Amino acid sequence: MSDYNDGSKDFLIGAIIGGAVGATLALLFAPKSGRELRGDINVGTKQALEKADEWKDIAQEKTVIYTGKAKELGSEWKDKGTEFTKSAVDSTVQFSKDVTDKTKTVASDVAAKTKDLAEDVTEKTKETTKDIVDKSKETAKSVKKTSKKVKDDTKKAAKDVADKAEELAEDVSEDVKDGVDEIKE
């Protein structure tokens, strides 16, 4: 805006000087007497000063008008900047809140799913442990039964062997007696 004011000021000064020089030259080259010429110069100078005064007033009025417009535009831009900043801050705050809420929701969901999974694993571990214990007991009973049967079978076999050995011993003893009796005879 200061470049515009400097240009207006230069133009105004140039117009005044140009007008004064032009008026002076016109009066100097006009075919008049000295008294008439001086009077015309005075009149021309007064007219040039009045015209310069009018231009000065116009320039001041325009300066006031443009200054007011500049202030209005500056105020509007300031208001728009403030609104934009407020909007950006509000959007950022809302975005942060949304992200925080979403993060909390996701964390809560993950925690709940992890808890459910841990409970499922614990329950399946308990069931598996119970099944293993039950099968171990059944296997132990089966081994005990089998062991008892083997023991019983072994006792029976031992008794059968002992009985057979006794029978055989009796048979052999009788045979030996018979053989001895035969020899004695």
C-alpha atoms as a PDB file:
ATOM      1  CA  MET A   1       0.000   0.000   0.000  1.00  0.00           C
ATOM      2  CA  SER A   2       2.936   2.360   0.649  1.00  0.00           C
ATOM      3  CA  ASP A   3       4.093   1.867  -2.983  1.00  0.00           C
ATOM      4  CA  TYR A   4       0.691   3.060  -4.115  1.00  0.00           C
ATOM      5  CA  ASN A   5       0.865   6.153  -1.880  1.00  0.00           C
ATOM      6  CA  ASP A   6       4.394   6.982  -3.105  1.00  0.00           C
ATOM      7  CA  GLY A   7       3.218   6.735  -6.725  1.00  0.00           C
ATOM      8  CA  SER A   8       0.217   8.991  -6.016  1.00  0.00           C
ATOM      9  CA  LYS A   9       2.406  11.526  -4.269  1.00  0.00           C
ATOM     10  CA  ASP A  10       4.913  11.552  -7.159  1.00  0.00           C
ATOM     11  CA  PHE A  11       2.099  11.942  -9.665  1.00  0.00           C
ATOM     12  CA  LEU A  12       0.575  14.816  -7.698  1.00  0.00           C
ATOM     13  CA  ILE A  13       3.902  16.635  -7.419  1.00  0.00           C
ATOM     14  CA  GLY A  14       4.589  16.062 -11.114  1.00  0.00           C
ATOM     15  CA  ALA A  15       1.127  17.339 -12.056  1.00  0.00           C
ATOM     16  CA  ILE A  16       1.565  20.486  -9.955  1.00  0.00           C
ATOM     17  CA  ILE A  17       5.027  21.230 -11.314  1.00  0.00           C
ATOM     18  CA  GLY A  18       3.951  20.421 -14.863  1.00  0.00           C
ATOM     19  CA  GLY A  19       0.867  22.599 -14.527  1.00  0.00           C
ATOM     20  CA  ALA A  20       2.905  25.493 -13.105  1.00  0.00           C
ATOM     21  CA  VAL A  21       5.591  25.198 -15.789  1.00  0.00           C
ATOM     22  CA  GLY A  22       2.967  24.898 -18.515  1.00  0.00           C
ATOM     23  CA  ALA A  23       1.035  27.900 -17.246  1.00  0.00           C
ATOM     24  CA  THR A  24       4.229  29.951 -16.891  1.00  0.00           C
ATOM     25  CA  LEU A  25       5.398  29.078 -20.401  1.00  0.00           C
ATOM     26  CA  ALA A  26       1.992  29.860 -21.852  1.00  0.00           C
ATOM     27  CA  LEU A  27       2.034  33.260 -20.196  1.00  0.00           C
ATOM     28  CA  LEU A  28       5.625  33.973 -21.199  1.00  0.00           C
ATOM     29  CA  PHE A  29       5.040  33.275 -24.837  1.00  0.00           C
ATOM     30  CA  ALA A  30       1.752  35.125 -24.991  1.00  0.00           C
ATOM     31  CA  PRO A  31       1.961  38.577 -26.636  1.00  0.00           C
ATOM     32  CA  LYS A  32       1.067  40.768 -23.653  1.00  0.00           C
ATOM     33  CA  SER A  33       2.515  43.664 -21.759  1.00  0.00           C
ATOM     34  CA  GLY A  34       4.540  43.104 -18.556  1.00  0.00           C
ATOM     35  CA  ARG A  35       1.725  44.233 -16.260  1.00  0.00           C
ATOM     36  CA  GLU A  36      -0.818  42.018 -17.997  1.00  0.00           C
ATOM     37  CA  LEU A  37       1.686  39.188 -18.072  1.00  0.00           C
ATOM     38  CA  ARG A  38       2.398  39.480 -14.345  1.00  0.00           C
ATOM     39  CA  GLY A  39      -1.321  39.569 -13.641  1.00  0.00           C
ATOM     40  CA  ASP A  40      -1.885  36.529 -15.802  1.00  0.00           C
ATOM     41  CA  ILE A  41       1.027  34.775 -14.045  1.00  0.00           C
ATOM     42  CA  ASN A  42      -0.496  35.619 -10.650  1.00  0.00           C
ATOM     43  CA  VAL A  43      -3.911  34.374 -11.823  1.00  0.00           C
ATOM     44  CA  GLY A  44      -2.328  31.241 -13.341  1.00  0.00           C
ATOM     45  CA  THR A  45      -0.336  30.629 -10.192  1.00  0.00           C
ATOM     46  CA  LYS A  46      -3.459  31.030  -8.050  1.00  0.00           C
ATOM     47  CA  GLN A  47      -5.353  28.700 -10.354  1.00  0.00           C
ATOM     48  CA  ALA A  48      -2.483  26.198 -10.260  1.00  0.00           C
ATOM     49  CA  LEU A  49      -2.377  26.427  -6.441  1.00  0.00           C
ATOM     50  CA  GLU A  50      -6.175  25.991  -6.234  1.00  0.00           C
ATOM     51  CA  LYS A  51      -5.986  23.041  -8.575  1.00  0.00           C
ATOM     52  CA  ALA A  52      -3.099  21.572  -6.537  1.00  0.00           C
ATOM     53  CA  ASP A  53      -5.160  22.153  -3.381  1.00  0.00           C
ATOM     54  CA  GLU A  54      -8.128  20.327  -4.978  1.00  0.00           C
ATOM     55  CA  TRP A  55      -5.883  17.432  -5.981  1.00  0.00           C
ATOM     56  CA  LYS A  56      -4.425  17.353  -2.490  1.00  0.00           C
ATOM     57  CA  ASP A  57      -7.950  17.146  -1.030  1.00  0.00           C
ATOM     58  CA  ILE A  58      -8.899  14.427  -3.527  1.00  0.00           C
ATOM     59  CA  ALA A  59      -5.706  12.520  -2.676  1.00  0.00           C
ATOM     60  CA  GLN A  60      -6.477  12.822   1.057  1.00  0.00           C
ATOM     61  CA  GLU A  61     -10.068  11.640   0.509  1.00  0.00           C
ATOM     62  CA  LYS A  62      -8.863   8.691  -1.591  1.00  0.00           C
ATOM     63  CA  THR A  63      -6.242   7.895   1.062  1.00  0.00           C
ATOM     64  CA  VAL A  64      -8.927   7.849   3.757  1.00  0.00           C
ATOM     65  CA  ILE A  65     -11.197   5.693   1.567  1.00  0.00           C
ATOM     66  CA  TYR A  66      -8.460   3.221   0.632  1.00  0.00           C
ATOM     67  CA  THR A  67      -7.143   3.140   4.197  1.00  0.00           C
ATOM     68  CA  GLY A  68     -10.659   2.287   5.407  1.00  0.00           C
ATOM     69  CA  LYS A  69     -11.012  -0.409   2.734  1.00  0.00           C
ATOM     70  CA  ALA A  70      -7.604  -1.807   3.622  1.00  0.00           C
ATOM     71  CA  LYS A  71      -8.557  -1.900   7.307  1.00  0.00           C
ATOM     72  CA  GLU A  72     -11.869  -3.607   6.459  1.00  0.00           C
ATOM     73  CA  LEU A  73     -10.126  -6.191   4.281  1.00  0.00           C
ATOM     74  CA  GLY A  74      -7.468  -6.688   6.949  1.00  0.00           C
ATOM     75  CA  SER A  75     -10.173  -7.165   9.567  1.00  0.00           C
ATOM     76  CA  GLU A  76     -12.056  -9.596   7.300  1.00  0.00           C
ATOM     77  CA  TRP A  77      -8.881 -11.576   6.616  1.00  0.00           C
ATOM     78  CA  LYS A  78      -8.063 -11.564  10.316  1.00  0.00           C
ATOM     79  CA  ASP A  79     -11.577 -12.849  11.113  1.00  0.00           C
ATOM     80  CA  LYS A  80     -11.295 -15.498   8.387  1.00  0.00           C
ATOM     81  CA  GLY A  81      -7.878 -16.504   9.714  1.00  0.00           C
ATOM     82  CA  THR A  82      -9.284 -16.739  13.225  1.00  0.00           C
ATOM     83  CA  GLU A  83     -12.232 -18.813  11.974  1.00  0.00           C
ATOM     84  CA  PHE A  84      -9.882 -21.052   9.973  1.00  0.00           C
ATOM     85  CA  THR A  85      -7.596 -21.490  12.986  1.00  0.00           C
ATOM     86  CA  LYS A  86     -10.565 -22.261  15.242  1.00  0.00           C
ATOM     87  CA  SER A  87     -11.910 -24.714  12.668  1.00  0.00           C
ATOM     88  CA  ALA A  88      -8.500 -26.381  12.350  1.00  0.00           C
ATOM     89  CA  VAL A  89      -8.145 -26.616  16.135  1.00  0.00           C
ATOM     90  CA  ASP A  90     -11.698 -27.986  16.475  1.00  0.00           C
ATOM     91  CA  SER A  91     -11.040 -30.528  13.715  1.00  0.00           C
ATOM     92  CA  THR A  92      -7.758 -31.565  15.325  1.00  0.00           C
ATOM     93  CA  VAL A  93      -9.376 -31.887  18.748  1.00  0.00           C
ATOM     94  CA  GLN A  94     -12.243 -33.926  17.290  1.00  0.00           C
ATOM     95  CA  PHE A  95      -9.821 -36.102  15.320  1.00  0.00           C
ATOM     96  CA  SER A  96      -7.730 -36.680  18.455  1.00  0.00           C
ATOM     97  CA  LYS A  97     -10.868 -37.538  20.418  1.00  0.00           C
ATOM     98  CA  ASP A  98     -12.043 -39.932  17.690  1.00  0.00           C
ATOM     99  CA  VAL A  99      -8.623 -41.617  17.550  1.00  0.00           C
ATOM    100  CA  THR A 100      -8.537 -41.884  21.354  1.00  0.00           C
ATOM    101  CA  ASP A 101     -12.054 -43.350  21.457  1.00  0.00           C
ATOM    102  CA  LYS A 102     -11.237 -45.796  18.656  1.00  0.00           C
ATOM    103  CA  THR A 103      -7.998 -46.783  20.391  1.00  0.00           C
ATOM    104  CA  LYS A 104      -9.861 -47.361  23.655  1.00  0.00           C
ATOM    105  CA  THR A 105     -12.490 -49.434  21.818  1.00  0.00           C
ATOM    106  CA  VAL A 106      -9.864 -51.522  20.028  1.00  0.00           C
ATOM    107  CA  ALA A 107      -7.873 -51.980  23.252  1.00  0.00           C
ATOM    108  CA  SER A 108     -11.039 -52.992  25.094  1.00  0.00           C
ATOM    109  CA  ASP A 109     -11.969 -55.449  22.325  1.00  0.00           C
ATOM    110  CA  VAL A 110      -8.466 -56.923  22.313  1.00  0.00           C
ATOM    111  CA  ALA A 111      -8.482 -57.212  26.115  1.00  0.00           C
ATOM    112  CA  ALA A 112     -11.900 -58.901  26.066  1.00  0.00           C
ATOM    113  CA  LYS A 113     -10.863 -61.302  23.298  1.00  0.00           C
ATOM    114  CA  THR A 114      -7.587 -62.041  25.088  1.00  0.00           C
ATOM    115  CA  LYS A 115      -9.475 -62.708  28.323  1.00  0.00           C
ATOM    116  CA  ASP A 116     -11.942 -64.974  26.501  1.00  0.00           C
ATOM    117  CA  LEU A 117      -9.086 -66.806  24.782  1.00  0.00           C
ATOM    118  CA  ALA A 118      -7.224 -67.200  28.084  1.00  0.00           C
ATOM    119  CA  GLU A 119     -10.397 -68.574  29.711  1.00  0.00           C
ATOM    120  CA  ASP A 120     -10.873 -70.992  26.781  1.00  0.00           C
ATOM    121  CA  VAL A 121      -7.254 -72.141  26.988  1.00  0.00           C
ATOM    122  CA  THR A 122      -7.536 -72.553  30.765  1.00  0.00           C
ATOM    123  CA  GLU A 123     -10.759 -74.527  30.401  1.00  0.00           C
ATOM    124  CA  LYS A 124      -9.322 -76.752  27.657  1.00  0.00           C
ATOM    125  CA  THR A 125      -6.173 -77.254  29.726  1.00  0.00           C
ATOM    126  CA  LYS A 126      -8.297 -78.327  32.710  1.00  0.00           C
ATOM    127  CA  GLU A 127     -10.341 -80.678  30.507  1.00  0.00           C
ATOM    128  CA  THR A 128      -7.195 -82.149  28.942  1.00  0.00           C
ATOM    129  CA  THR A 129      -5.581 -82.559  32.362  1.00  0.00           C
ATOM    130  CA  LYS A 130      -8.731 -84.284  33.670  1.00  0.00           C
ATOM    131  CA  ASP A 131      -8.812 -86.562  30.615  1.00  0.00           C
ATOM    132  CA  ILE A 132      -5.131 -87.426  31.123  1.00  0.00           C
ATOM    133  CA  VAL A 133      -5.693 -88.104  34.830  1.00  0.00           C
ATOM    134  CA  ASP A 134      -8.767 -90.233  34.076  1.00  0.00           C
ATOM    135  CA  LYS A 135      -6.929 -92.185  31.371  1.00  0.00           C
ATOM    136  CA  SER A 136      -3.928 -92.555  33.656  1.00  0.00           C
ATOM    137  CA  LYS A 137      -6.217 -93.989  36.375  1.00  0.00           C
ATOM    138  CA  GLU A 138      -7.842 -96.307  33.842  1.00  0.00           C
ATOM    139  CA  THR A 139      -4.408 -97.342  32.584  1.00  0.00           C
ATOM    140  CA  ALA A 140      -3.242 -97.871  36.176  1.00  0.00           C
ATOM    141  CA  LYS A 141      -6.339-100.005  36.902  1.00  0.00           C
ATOM    142  CA  SER A 142      -5.780-101.917  33.697  1.00  0.00           C
ATOM    143  CA  VAL A 143      -2.101-102.426  34.546  1.00  0.00           C
ATOM    144  CA  LYS A 144      -3.107-103.465  38.087  1.00  0.00           C
ATOM    145  CA  LYS A 145      -5.680-105.928  36.698  1.00  0.00           C
ATOM    146  CA  THR A 146      -3.208-107.218  34.150  1.00  0.00           C
ATOM    147  CA  SER A 147      -0.512-107.421  36.828  1.00  0.00           C
ATOM    148  CA  LYS A 148      -2.872-109.279  39.161  1.00  0.00           C
ATOM    149  CA  LYS A 149      -3.895-111.617  36.356  1.00  0.00           C
ATOM    150  CA  VAL A 150      -0.234-112.203  35.461  1.00  0.00           C
ATOM    151  CA  LYS A 151       0.497-112.812  39.152  1.00  0.00           C
ATOM    152  CA  ASP A 152      -2.463-115.136  39.475  1.00  0.00           C
ATOM    153  CA  ASP A 153      -1.542-116.856  36.223  1.00  0.00           C
ATOM    154  CA  THR A 154       2.061-117.089  37.386  1.00  0.00           C
ATOM    155  CA  LYS A 155       0.964-118.578  40.758  1.00  0.00           C
ATOM    156  CA  LYS A 156      -1.338-120.983  38.974  1.00  0.00           C
ATOM    157  CA  ALA A 157       1.407-121.896  36.522  1.00  0.00           C
ATOM    158  CA  ALA A 158       3.878-122.282  39.372  1.00  0.00           C
ATOM    159  CA  LYS A 159       1.361-124.464  41.260  1.00  0.00           C
ATOM    160  CA  ASP A 160       0.674-126.436  38.096  1.00  0.00           C
ATOM    161  CA  VAL A 161       4.431-126.805  37.563  1.00  0.00           C
ATOM    162  CA  ALA A 162       4.854-127.771  41.219  1.00  0.00           C
ATOM    163  CA  ASP A 163       1.945-130.225  40.997  1.00  0.00           C
ATOM    164  CA  LYS A 164       3.307-131.655  37.753  1.00  0.00           C
ATOM    165  CA  ALA A 165       6.779-131.778  39.300  1.00  0.00           C
ATOM    166  CA  GLU A 166       5.345-133.596  42.339  1.00  0.00           C
ATOM    167  CA  GLU A 167       3.426-135.987  40.103  1.00  0.00           C
ATOM    168  CA  LEU A 168       6.481-136.459  38.012  1.00  0.00           C
ATOM    169  CA  ALA A 169       8.561-136.910  41.125  1.00  0.00           C
ATOM    170  CA  GLU A 170       6.050-139.473  42.405  1.00  0.00           C
ATOM    171  CA  ASP A 171       6.003-141.155  39.019  1.00  0.00           C
ATOM    172  CA  VAL A 172       9.782-141.129  38.891  1.00  0.00           C
ATOM    173  CA  SER A 173       9.903-142.290  42.501  1.00  0.00           C
ATOM    174  CA  GLU A 174       7.526-145.157  41.748  1.00  0.00           C
ATOM    175  CA  ASP A 175       9.444-145.952  38.615  1.00  0.00           C
ATOM    176  CA  VAL A 176      12.694-145.859  40.571  1.00  0.00           C
ATOM    177  CA  LYS A 177      11.099-148.082  43.272  1.00  0.00           C
ATOM    178  CA  ASP A 178       9.801-150.395  40.643  1.00  0.00           C
ATOM    179  CA  GLY A 179      13.235-150.384  39.014  1.00  0.00           C
ATOM    180  CA  VAL A 180      14.933-151.005  42.364  1.00  0.00           C
ATOM    181  CA  ASP A 181      12.441-153.735  43.170  1.00  0.00           C
ATOM    182  CA  GLU A 182      13.136-155.298  39.823  1.00  0.00           C
ATOM    183  CA  ILE A 183      16.810-155.114  40.401  1.00  0.00           C
ATOM    184  CA  LYS A 184      16.412-156.653  43.803  1.00  0.00           C
ATOM    185  CA  GLU A 185      14.517-159.439  42.495  1.00  0.00           C
END
